[in-house]
Amino acid sequence: MLTRREAMLTGVAACAAPMVRAQTAAPFRFALTPVFLDNDAAVISSLRAALMAAMGQDIELVQRRTYQEISGALLDGSVDAAWTCGYPFLQHRADLSLIGVPVWRGEPLYQSYLIAAADDPATSLGNLRGGAHAFSDPDSNSGYLVTASDLARMGETPDRFFSRAIFTYGHRNVVRAVAGGLTRSGSVDGYVWEVLNSVEPDLTARTRVISRSEMLGFPPFVARRDRMEEAGVAACAAALQGLDQTSQGQAVLRLLYLDSVQAAGPSLFDGIALRMAVLGGG
């Protein structure tokens, strides 16, 4: 039987309820990164089965460790679609298109949380100077860009400001690093922290949210721009955006603590673009 954590993660099968069928015999290759998912065989198996049933074709789930690897696989055609982040989407905005953006708590938006240990006296980023810090991925908006751009506005860089900065390649691992005392502070996806606060409250109770960023575009589902008319990509986009219209889709959304998946344009990510510009990358 799946644990509550596994059931929540299996809900990442947000492609699992389309009525549109891809008219191709080739496997549909969908990329995932451990930044969101735990590398659990039961979860991966359940996700693949759900995608196969929903899209009526074989599914190949492709896991990569980093957003950079996911972006590379999308661009070279190794995968057909992926759940990525607004930061790498904008890094490759000329080549990628949106196929859906999750809606959480009524909006397709989320925040980056700056966290520290529950008993840490810090009340702002400035109080964390000289401590060790955990990031999730160098191409993560909430797990790197927000804090790095805040530091840039202070005339600082992570390497100078923190005594040590590590990349955990998973938002849950950021929370673990702070909760376990490996680092003093961390930068984490607020949606992930809030879901963990529901399913693993003993873990989040050992941390405290020091600050929250402005609302920013939620991590999107994307495909290569020049493949948007392909049957498989079109089927996946229709599936994502129709999840809230079927009982099966509604169940998946409940497991993910999401309301729906909606169509969106690149302007949703203008706030992330502004932060990229602070670092000279926008």
C-alpha atoms as a PDB file:
ATOM      1  CA  MET A   1       0.000   0.000   0.000  1.00  0.00           C
ATOM      2  CA  LEU A   2       1.281   3.464  -0.810  1.00  0.00           C
ATOM      3  CA  THR A   3       2.130   5.749   2.104  1.00  0.00           C
ATOM      4  CA  ARG A   4       0.518   9.186   2.331  1.00  0.00           C
ATOM      5  CA  ARG A   5       3.771  10.653   0.983  1.00  0.00           C
ATOM      6  CA  GLU A   6       3.830   8.214  -1.945  1.00  0.00           C
ATOM      7  CA  ALA A   7       0.192   8.895  -2.717  1.00  0.00           C
ATOM      8  CA  MET A   8       0.863  12.642  -2.814  1.00  0.00           C
ATOM      9  CA  LEU A   9       3.835  12.156  -5.088  1.00  0.00           C
ATOM     10  CA  THR A  10       1.947   9.794  -7.366  1.00  0.00           C
ATOM     11  CA  GLY A  11      -0.436  12.687  -7.915  1.00  0.00           C
ATOM     12  CA  VAL A  12       2.289  14.312  -9.953  1.00  0.00           C
ATOM     13  CA  ALA A  13       0.796  12.276 -12.773  1.00  0.00           C
ATOM     14  CA  ALA A  14      -0.967  15.429 -13.848  1.00  0.00           C
ATOM     15  CA  CYS A  15      -1.245  14.088 -17.365  1.00  0.00           C
ATOM     16  CA  ALA A  16      -3.398  11.249 -16.078  1.00  0.00           C
ATOM     17  CA  ALA A  17      -6.918  12.233 -17.137  1.00  0.00           C
ATOM     18  CA  PRO A  18      -7.084  13.357 -20.767  1.00  0.00           C
ATOM     19  CA  MET A  19      -9.894  12.458 -23.088  1.00  0.00           C
ATOM     20  CA  VAL A  20      -7.699  13.232 -26.097  1.00  0.00           C
ATOM     21  CA  ARG A  21      -5.670  10.269 -27.367  1.00  0.00           C
ATOM     22  CA  ALA A  22      -2.296  10.669 -29.027  1.00  0.00           C
ATOM     23  CA  GLN A  23      -2.341   9.005 -32.428  1.00  0.00           C
ATOM     24  CA  THR A  24       1.119   7.497 -32.381  1.00  0.00           C
ATOM     25  CA  ALA A  25       2.684   4.180 -31.416  1.00  0.00           C
ATOM     26  CA  ALA A  26       5.911   5.732 -30.154  1.00  0.00           C
ATOM     27  CA  PRO A  27       6.355   6.094 -26.392  1.00  0.00           C
ATOM     28  CA  PHE A  28       5.576   9.522 -24.979  1.00  0.00           C
ATOM     29  CA  ARG A  29       8.636  10.644 -23.042  1.00  0.00           C
ATOM     30  CA  PHE A  30       7.844  12.748 -19.983  1.00  0.00           C
ATOM     31  CA  ALA A  31      10.682  14.193 -17.929  1.00  0.00           C
ATOM     32  CA  LEU A  32      10.761  14.494 -14.151  1.00  0.00           C
ATOM     33  CA  THR A  33      13.356  15.847 -11.773  1.00  0.00           C
ATOM     34  CA  PRO A  34      14.000  14.905  -8.127  1.00  0.00           C
ATOM     35  CA  VAL A  35      13.749  18.614  -7.322  1.00  0.00           C
ATOM     36  CA  PHE A  36      10.047  17.721  -6.916  1.00  0.00           C
ATOM     37  CA  LEU A  37       9.995  13.925  -6.733  1.00  0.00           C
ATOM     38  CA  ASP A  38      11.597  11.459  -4.372  1.00  0.00           C
ATOM     39  CA  ASN A  39      13.320   8.726  -6.337  1.00  0.00           C
ATOM     40  CA  ASP A  40      10.889   5.995  -5.212  1.00  0.00           C
ATOM     41  CA  ALA A  41      10.323   2.984  -7.462  1.00  0.00           C
ATOM     42  CA  ALA A  42       6.685   2.528  -6.362  1.00  0.00           C
ATOM     43  CA  VAL A  43       5.872   6.156  -7.121  1.00  0.00           C
ATOM     44  CA  ILE A  44       7.555   6.044 -10.529  1.00  0.00           C
ATOM     45  CA  SER A  45       5.790   2.798 -11.449  1.00  0.00           C
ATOM     46  CA  SER A  46       2.394   4.192 -10.460  1.00  0.00           C
ATOM     47  CA  LEU A  47       3.013   7.379 -12.391  1.00  0.00           C
ATOM     48  CA  ARG A  48       3.946   5.505 -15.564  1.00  0.00           C
ATOM     49  CA  ALA A  49       0.850   3.307 -15.296  1.00  0.00           C
ATOM     50  CA  ALA A  50      -1.421   6.319 -14.860  1.00  0.00           C
ATOM     51  CA  LEU A  51       0.062   8.082 -17.869  1.00  0.00           C
ATOM     52  CA  MET A  52      -0.267   4.972 -20.042  1.00  0.00           C
ATOM     53  CA  ALA A  53      -3.940   4.556 -19.129  1.00  0.00           C
ATOM     54  CA  ALA A  54      -4.707   8.221 -19.674  1.00  0.00           C
ATOM     55  CA  MET A  55      -3.017   8.812 -23.013  1.00  0.00           C
ATOM     56  CA  GLY A  56      -3.571   5.400 -24.582  1.00  0.00           C
ATOM     57  CA  GLN A  57       0.060   4.791 -25.489  1.00  0.00           C
ATOM     58  CA  ASP A  58       3.277   3.605 -23.985  1.00  0.00           C
ATOM     59  CA  ILE A  59       4.944   6.061 -21.629  1.00  0.00           C
ATOM     60  CA  GLU A  60       8.622   6.409 -20.917  1.00  0.00           C
ATOM     61  CA  LEU A  61       9.352   8.397 -17.777  1.00  0.00           C
ATOM     62  CA  VAL A  62      12.724  10.068 -17.933  1.00  0.00           C
ATOM     63  CA  GLN A  63      14.343  11.138 -14.685  1.00  0.00           C
ATOM     64  CA  ARG A  64      17.193  13.597 -14.489  1.00  0.00           C
ATOM     65  CA  ARG A  65      18.969  14.992 -11.448  1.00  0.00           C
ATOM     66  CA  THR A  66      18.985  18.678 -12.435  1.00  0.00           C
ATOM     67  CA  TYR A  67      16.917  21.253 -14.275  1.00  0.00           C
ATOM     68  CA  GLN A  68      19.861  21.757 -16.635  1.00  0.00           C
ATOM     69  CA  GLU A  69      19.636  18.115 -17.683  1.00  0.00           C
ATOM     70  CA  ILE A  70      15.865  18.382 -18.134  1.00  0.00           C
ATOM     71  CA  SER A  71      16.267  21.464 -20.316  1.00  0.00           C
ATOM     72  CA  GLY A  72      18.915  19.724 -22.399  1.00  0.00           C
ATOM     73  CA  ALA A  73      16.675  16.699 -22.927  1.00  0.00           C
ATOM     74  CA  LEU A  74      13.784  18.910 -24.048  1.00  0.00           C
ATOM     75  CA  LEU A  75      15.957  20.870 -26.459  1.00  0.00           C
ATOM     76  CA  ASP A  76      17.649  17.876 -28.066  1.00  0.00           C
ATOM     77  CA  GLY A  77      14.360  15.986 -28.431  1.00  0.00           C
ATOM     78  CA  SER A  78      15.189  13.253 -25.936  1.00  0.00           C
ATOM     79  CA  VAL A  79      11.900  13.948 -24.141  1.00  0.00           C
ATOM     80  CA  ASP A  80       8.545  15.233 -25.367  1.00  0.00           C
ATOM     81  CA  ALA A  81       7.411  17.258 -22.342  1.00  0.00           C
ATOM     82  CA  ALA A  82       8.484  18.016 -18.800  1.00  0.00           C
ATOM     83  CA  TRP A  83       7.437  19.538 -15.503  1.00  0.00           C
ATOM     84  CA  THR A  84      10.066  22.186 -14.990  1.00  0.00           C
ATOM     85  CA  CYS A  85      10.448  25.576 -13.306  1.00  0.00           C
ATOM     86  CA  GLY A  86       9.816  29.128 -14.458  1.00  0.00           C
ATOM     87  CA  TYR A  87      13.518  29.964 -14.324  1.00  0.00           C
ATOM     88  CA  PRO A  88      14.726  27.342 -16.858  1.00  0.00           C
ATOM     89  CA  PHE A  89      11.600  27.977 -18.935  1.00  0.00           C
ATOM     90  CA  LEU A  90      12.632  31.612 -19.287  1.00  0.00           C
ATOM     91  CA  GLN A  91      16.270  30.697 -19.869  1.00  0.00           C
ATOM     92  CA  HIS A  92      15.079  28.874 -22.992  1.00  0.00           C
ATOM     93  CA  ARG A  93      11.994  30.982 -23.752  1.00  0.00           C
ATOM     94  CA  ALA A  94      12.766  31.121 -27.480  1.00  0.00           C
ATOM     95  CA  ASP A  95      12.615  27.327 -27.758  1.00  0.00           C
ATOM     96  CA  LEU A  96      10.012  26.223 -25.202  1.00  0.00           C
ATOM     97  CA  SER A  97       6.251  26.709 -24.884  1.00  0.00           C
ATOM     98  CA  LEU A  98       3.834  26.237 -22.016  1.00  0.00           C
ATOM     99  CA  ILE A  99       1.407  23.298 -22.077  1.00  0.00           C
ATOM    100  CA  GLY A 100      -0.107  24.051 -18.677  1.00  0.00           C
ATOM    101  CA  VAL A 101       0.463  25.782 -15.355  1.00  0.00           C
ATOM    102  CA  PRO A 102      -0.884  24.389 -12.071  1.00  0.00           C
ATOM    103  CA  VAL A 103      -3.330  26.468 -10.045  1.00  0.00           C
ATOM    104  CA  TRP A 104      -2.660  26.380  -6.305  1.00  0.00           C
ATOM    105  CA  ARG A 105      -4.926  28.025  -3.748  1.00  0.00           C
ATOM    106  CA  GLY A 106      -6.865  29.749  -6.503  1.00  0.00           C
ATOM    107  CA  GLU A 107      -3.953  31.146  -8.527  1.00  0.00           C
ATOM    108  CA  PRO A 108      -1.194  29.846 -10.839  1.00  0.00           C
ATOM    109  CA  LEU A 109       1.306  31.343  -8.421  1.00  0.00           C
ATOM    110  CA  TYR A 110       3.561  30.408  -5.541  1.00  0.00           C
ATOM    111  CA  GLN A 111       6.339  31.869  -3.398  1.00  0.00           C
ATOM    112  CA  SER A 112       9.885  31.129  -2.392  1.00  0.00           C
ATOM    113  CA  TYR A 113      10.340  30.610   1.342  1.00  0.00           C
ATOM    114  CA  LEU A 114      13.490  31.442   3.269  1.00  0.00           C
ATOM    115  CA  ILE A 115      13.637  29.042   6.197  1.00  0.00           C
ATOM    116  CA  ALA A 116      15.789  28.496   9.272  1.00  0.00           C
ATOM    117  CA  ALA A 117      15.675  26.194  12.273  1.00  0.00           C
ATOM    118  CA  ALA A 118      12.624  26.616  14.469  1.00  0.00           C
ATOM    119  CA  ASP A 119      14.683  28.100  17.305  1.00  0.00           C
ATOM    120  CA  ASP A 120      16.876  30.337  15.121  1.00  0.00           C
ATOM    121  CA  PRO A 121      16.545  34.039  16.049  1.00  0.00           C
ATOM    122  CA  ALA A 122      16.977  35.324  12.462  1.00  0.00           C
ATOM    123  CA  THR A 123      14.157  37.505  11.138  1.00  0.00           C
ATOM    124  CA  SER A 124      15.531  38.390   7.690  1.00  0.00           C
ATOM    125  CA  LEU A 125      18.051  37.334   5.069  1.00  0.00           C
ATOM    126  CA  GLY A 126      20.531  39.862   6.421  1.00  0.00           C
ATOM    127  CA  ASN A 127      20.631  38.037   9.761  1.00  0.00           C
ATOM    128  CA  LEU A 128      21.915  34.870   8.069  1.00  0.00           C
ATOM    129  CA  ARG A 129      25.328  36.245   7.066  1.00  0.00           C
ATOM    130  CA  GLY A 130      28.139  33.801   7.749  1.00  0.00           C
ATOM    131  CA  GLY A 131      25.943  30.731   8.133  1.00  0.00           C
ATOM    132  CA  ALA A 132      25.638  27.664   5.914  1.00  0.00           C
ATOM    133  CA  HIS A 133      22.752  27.690   3.437  1.00  0.00           C
ATOM    134  CA  ALA A 134      20.918  25.038   1.391  1.00  0.00           C
ATOM    135  CA  PHE A 135      19.674  25.667  -2.153  1.00  0.00           C
ATOM    136  CA  SER A 136      17.754  23.113  -4.199  1.00  0.00           C
ATOM    137  CA  ASP A 137      19.106  23.601  -7.749  1.00  0.00           C
ATOM    138  CA  PRO A 138      21.093  26.392  -9.452  1.00  0.00           C
ATOM    139  CA  ASP A 139      18.293  26.720 -12.043  1.00  0.00           C
ATOM    140  CA  SER A 140      15.455  26.751  -9.504  1.00  0.00           C
ATOM    141  CA  ASN A 141      13.520  29.982  -9.081  1.00  0.00           C
ATOM    142  CA  SER A 142      12.356  29.396  -5.525  1.00  0.00           C
ATOM    143  CA  GLY A 143      15.338  27.264  -4.571  1.00  0.00           C
ATOM    144  CA  TYR A 144      18.054  29.627  -5.800  1.00  0.00           C
ATOM    145  CA  LEU A 145      17.144  32.635  -7.966  1.00  0.00           C
ATOM    146  CA  VAL A 146      15.001  34.479  -5.422  1.00  0.00           C
ATOM    147  CA  THR A 147      17.646  34.392  -2.696  1.00  0.00           C
ATOM    148  CA  ALA A 148      20.531  35.041  -5.112  1.00  0.00           C
ATOM    149  CA  SER A 149      18.762  38.082  -6.578  1.00  0.00           C
ATOM    150  CA  ASP A 150      17.921  39.380  -3.093  1.00  0.00           C
ATOM    151  CA  LEU A 151      21.592  39.108  -2.224  1.00  0.00           C
ATOM    152  CA  ALA A 152      22.555  40.846  -5.489  1.00  0.00           C
ATOM    153  CA  ARG A 153      20.372  43.778  -4.475  1.00  0.00           C
ATOM    154  CA  MET A 154      22.402  43.887  -1.257  1.00  0.00           C
ATOM    155  CA  GLY A 155      25.643  43.884  -3.258  1.00  0.00           C
ATOM    156  CA  GLU A 156      26.389  40.320  -2.202  1.00  0.00           C
ATOM    157  CA  THR A 157      26.718  36.865  -3.731  1.00  0.00           C
ATOM    158  CA  PRO A 158      25.899  33.523  -2.093  1.00  0.00           C
ATOM    159  CA  ASP A 159      29.585  32.570  -2.023  1.00  0.00           C
ATOM    160  CA  ARG A 160      30.556  35.725  -0.166  1.00  0.00           C
ATOM    161  CA  PHE A 161      27.524  36.022   2.075  1.00  0.00           C
ATOM    162  CA  PHE A 162      27.240  32.449   3.337  1.00  0.00           C
ATOM    163  CA  SER A 163      30.049  30.479   4.943  1.00  0.00           C
ATOM    164  CA  ARG A 164      29.015  27.547   2.776  1.00  0.00           C
ATOM    165  CA  ALA A 165      26.268  27.010   0.199  1.00  0.00           C
ATOM    166  CA  ILE A 166      25.149  23.542  -0.890  1.00  0.00           C
ATOM    167  CA  PHE A 167      22.736  22.240  -3.526  1.00  0.00           C
ATOM    168  CA  THR A 168      20.481  19.417  -2.346  1.00  0.00           C
ATOM    169  CA  TYR A 169      18.660  18.795  -5.684  1.00  0.00           C
ATOM    170  CA  GLY A 170      15.325  18.475  -3.933  1.00  0.00           C
ATOM    171  CA  HIS A 171      13.134  20.920  -2.017  1.00  0.00           C
ATOM    172  CA  ARG A 172      12.344  18.297   0.604  1.00  0.00           C
ATOM    173  CA  ASN A 173      16.087  17.856   1.030  1.00  0.00           C
ATOM    174  CA  VAL A 174      16.431  21.588   1.693  1.00  0.00           C
ATOM    175  CA  VAL A 175      13.919  21.255   4.515  1.00  0.00           C
ATOM    176  CA  ARG A 176      15.755  18.194   5.800  1.00  0.00           C
ATOM    177  CA  ALA A 177      19.098  20.029   5.726  1.00  0.00           C
ATOM    178  CA  VAL A 178      17.752  22.868   7.846  1.00  0.00           C
ATOM    179  CA  ALA A 179      15.678  20.658  10.157  1.00  0.00           C
ATOM    180  CA  GLY A 180      18.667  18.392  10.772  1.00  0.00           C
ATOM    181  CA  GLY A 181      21.143  21.195  11.420  1.00  0.00           C
ATOM    182  CA  LEU A 182      23.266  20.539   8.326  1.00  0.00           C
ATOM    183  CA  THR A 183      22.720  24.169   7.333  1.00  0.00           C
ATOM    184  CA  ARG A 184      21.458  27.186   9.230  1.00  0.00           C
ATOM    185  CA  SER A 185      19.040  28.243   6.495  1.00  0.00           C
ATOM    186  CA  GLY A 186      17.591  27.260   3.150  1.00  0.00           C
ATOM    187  CA  SER A 187      15.684  28.465   0.084  1.00  0.00           C
ATOM    188  CA  VAL A 188      12.651  26.317  -0.673  1.00  0.00           C
ATOM    189  CA  ASP A 189       9.538  26.159  -2.850  1.00  0.00           C
ATOM    190  CA  GLY A 190       6.699  27.480  -0.686  1.00  0.00           C
ATOM    191  CA  TYR A 191       4.202  25.062  -2.248  1.00  0.00           C
ATOM    192  CA  VAL A 192       6.430  22.101  -1.385  1.00  0.00           C
ATOM    193  CA  TRP A 193       6.953  23.378   2.172  1.00  0.00           C
ATOM    194  CA  GLU A 194       3.206  23.822   2.654  1.00  0.00           C
ATOM    195  CA  VAL A 195       2.433  20.328   1.321  1.00  0.00           C
ATOM    196  CA  LEU A 196       5.134  18.863   3.561  1.00  0.00           C
ATOM    197  CA  ASN A 197       3.604  20.797   6.434  1.00  0.00           C
ATOM    198  CA  SER A 198       0.414  18.816   5.801  1.00  0.00           C
ATOM    199  CA  VAL A 199       1.925  15.370   5.199  1.00  0.00           C
ATOM    200  CA  GLU A 200       5.122  15.539   7.299  1.00  0.00           C
ATOM    201  CA  PRO A 201       4.438  18.119  10.024  1.00  0.00           C
ATOM    202  CA  ASP A 202       7.134  16.681  12.286  1.00  0.00           C
ATOM    203  CA  LEU A 203       9.706  17.663   9.651  1.00  0.00           C
ATOM    204  CA  THR A 204       8.517  21.202   8.966  1.00  0.00           C
ATOM    205  CA  ALA A 205       7.999  21.821  12.700  1.00  0.00           C
ATOM    206  CA  ARG A 206      11.775  21.828  13.041  1.00  0.00           C
ATOM    207  CA  THR A 207      11.965  24.771  10.643  1.00  0.00           C
ATOM    208  CA  ARG A 208      10.541  28.286  10.575  1.00  0.00           C
ATOM    209  CA  VAL A 209       9.672  30.493   7.622  1.00  0.00           C
ATOM    210  CA  ILE A 210      11.665  33.711   7.941  1.00  0.00           C
ATOM    211  CA  SER A 211      10.378  35.433   4.811  1.00  0.00           C
ATOM    212  CA  ARG A 212       8.248  34.860   1.746  1.00  0.00           C
ATOM    213  CA  SER A 213       8.873  36.257  -1.721  1.00  0.00           C
ATOM    214  CA  GLU A 214       6.324  38.008  -3.883  1.00  0.00           C
ATOM    215  CA  MET A 215       3.917  35.764  -5.783  1.00  0.00           C
ATOM    216  CA  LEU A 216       5.589  34.250  -8.865  1.00  0.00           C
ATOM    217  CA  GLY A 217       4.559  31.969 -11.739  1.00  0.00           C
ATOM    218  CA  PHE A 218       4.047  28.370 -10.604  1.00  0.00           C
ATOM    219  CA  PRO A 219       6.457  25.732 -12.009  1.00  0.00           C
ATOM    220  CA  PRO A 220       4.988  24.912 -15.450  1.00  0.00           C
ATOM    221  CA  PHE A 221       4.616  21.971 -17.790  1.00  0.00           C
ATOM    222  CA  VAL A 222       6.464  22.667 -21.046  1.00  0.00           C
ATOM    223  CA  ALA A 223       7.333  21.238 -24.441  1.00  0.00           C
ATOM    224  CA  ARG A 224       9.555  22.356 -27.291  1.00  0.00           C
ATOM    225  CA  ARG A 225       7.948  25.184 -29.250  1.00  0.00           C
ATOM    226  CA  ASP A 226       8.362  23.519 -32.641  1.00  0.00           C
ATOM    227  CA  ARG A 227       6.610  20.360 -31.420  1.00  0.00           C
ATOM    228  CA  MET A 228       3.439  21.919 -30.038  1.00  0.00           C
ATOM    229  CA  GLU A 229       1.291  20.601 -32.905  1.00  0.00           C
ATOM    230  CA  GLU A 230       2.405  16.998 -32.469  1.00  0.00           C
ATOM    231  CA  ALA A 231      -0.333  14.597 -31.380  1.00  0.00           C
ATOM    232  CA  GLY A 232       1.318  13.483 -28.160  1.00  0.00           C
ATOM    233  CA  VAL A 233       2.148  16.982 -26.985  1.00  0.00           C
ATOM    234  CA  ALA A 234      -1.338  18.242 -27.860  1.00  0.00           C
ATOM    235  CA  ALA A 235      -2.886  15.298 -25.993  1.00  0.00           C
ATOM    236  CA  CYS A 236      -0.829  15.971 -22.891  1.00  0.00           C
ATOM    237  CA  ALA A 237      -1.699  19.683 -22.935  1.00  0.00           C
ATOM    238  CA  ALA A 238      -5.412  18.873 -23.276  1.00  0.00           C
ATOM    239  CA  ALA A 239      -5.113  16.334 -20.478  1.00  0.00           C
ATOM    240  CA  LEU A 240      -3.484  18.739 -18.077  1.00  0.00           C
ATOM    241  CA  GLN A 241      -5.972  21.492 -18.698  1.00  0.00           C
ATOM    242  CA  GLY A 242      -8.929  19.128 -18.326  1.00  0.00           C
ATOM    243  CA  LEU A 243      -7.982  17.507 -15.037  1.00  0.00           C
ATOM    244  CA  ASP A 244     -10.615  19.344 -13.031  1.00  0.00           C
ATOM    245  CA  GLN A 245     -13.372  18.176 -15.408  1.00  0.00           C
ATOM    246  CA  THR A 246     -13.227  14.460 -14.520  1.00  0.00           C
ATOM    247  CA  SER A 247     -13.472  12.534 -11.256  1.00  0.00           C
ATOM    248  CA  GLN A 248     -10.114  10.859 -11.909  1.00  0.00           C
ATOM    249  CA  GLY A 249      -8.463  14.186 -12.609  1.00  0.00           C
ATOM    250  CA  GLN A 250     -10.030  15.766  -9.537  1.00  0.00           C
ATOM    251  CA  ALA A 251      -8.611  12.949  -7.427  1.00  0.00           C
ATOM    252  CA  VAL A 252      -5.127  13.573  -8.824  1.00  0.00           C
ATOM    253  CA  LEU A 253      -5.443  17.285  -8.105  1.00  0.00           C
ATOM    254  CA  ARG A 254      -6.514  16.590  -4.519  1.00  0.00           C
ATOM    255  CA  LEU A 255      -3.440  14.408  -4.010  1.00  0.00           C
ATOM    256  CA  LEU A 256      -1.293  17.234  -5.337  1.00  0.00           C
ATOM    257  CA  TYR A 257      -3.108  19.878  -3.260  1.00  0.00           C
ATOM    258  CA  LEU A 258      -3.789  21.703  -6.538  1.00  0.00           C
ATOM    259  CA  ASP A 259      -7.017  23.196  -7.882  1.00  0.00           C
ATOM    260  CA  SER A 260      -6.503  22.659 -11.618  1.00  0.00           C
ATOM    261  CA  VAL A 261      -4.081  23.162 -14.474  1.00  0.00           C
ATOM    262  CA  GLN A 262      -4.734  26.078 -16.803  1.00  0.00           C
ATOM    263  CA  ALA A 263      -3.414  27.549 -20.017  1.00  0.00           C
ATOM    264  CA  ALA A 264      -1.107  30.525 -19.494  1.00  0.00           C
ATOM    265  CA  GLY A 265       1.176  32.874 -21.380  1.00  0.00           C
ATOM    266  CA  PRO A 266       4.818  33.764 -20.718  1.00  0.00           C
ATOM    267  CA  SER A 267       3.813  37.041 -19.028  1.00  0.00           C
ATOM    268  CA  LEU A 268       2.883  34.974 -15.970  1.00  0.00           C
ATOM    269  CA  PHE A 269       6.623  34.685 -15.384  1.00  0.00           C
ATOM    270  CA  ASP A 270       7.477  38.392 -15.664  1.00  0.00           C
ATOM    271  CA  GLY A 271       8.365  38.518 -11.968  1.00  0.00           C
ATOM    272  CA  ILE A 272      10.935  35.777 -12.456  1.00  0.00           C
ATOM    273  CA  ALA A 273      12.288  37.595 -15.511  1.00  0.00           C
ATOM    274  CA  LEU A 274      12.835  40.698 -13.372  1.00  0.00           C
ATOM    275  CA  ARG A 275      14.853  38.673 -10.883  1.00  0.00           C
ATOM    276  CA  MET A 276      16.884  37.134 -13.692  1.00  0.00           C
ATOM    277  CA  ALA A 277      17.703  40.636 -14.889  1.00  0.00           C
ATOM    278  CA  VAL A 278      19.076  41.488 -11.438  1.00  0.00           C
ATOM    279  CA  LEU A 279      21.624  38.698 -11.927  1.00  0.00           C
ATOM    280  CA  GLY A 280      22.292  39.725 -15.522  1.00  0.00           C
ATOM    281  CA  GLY A 281      20.591  36.627 -16.889  1.00  0.00           C
ATOM    282  CA  GLY A 282      17.302  38.015 -18.143  1.00  0.00           C
END
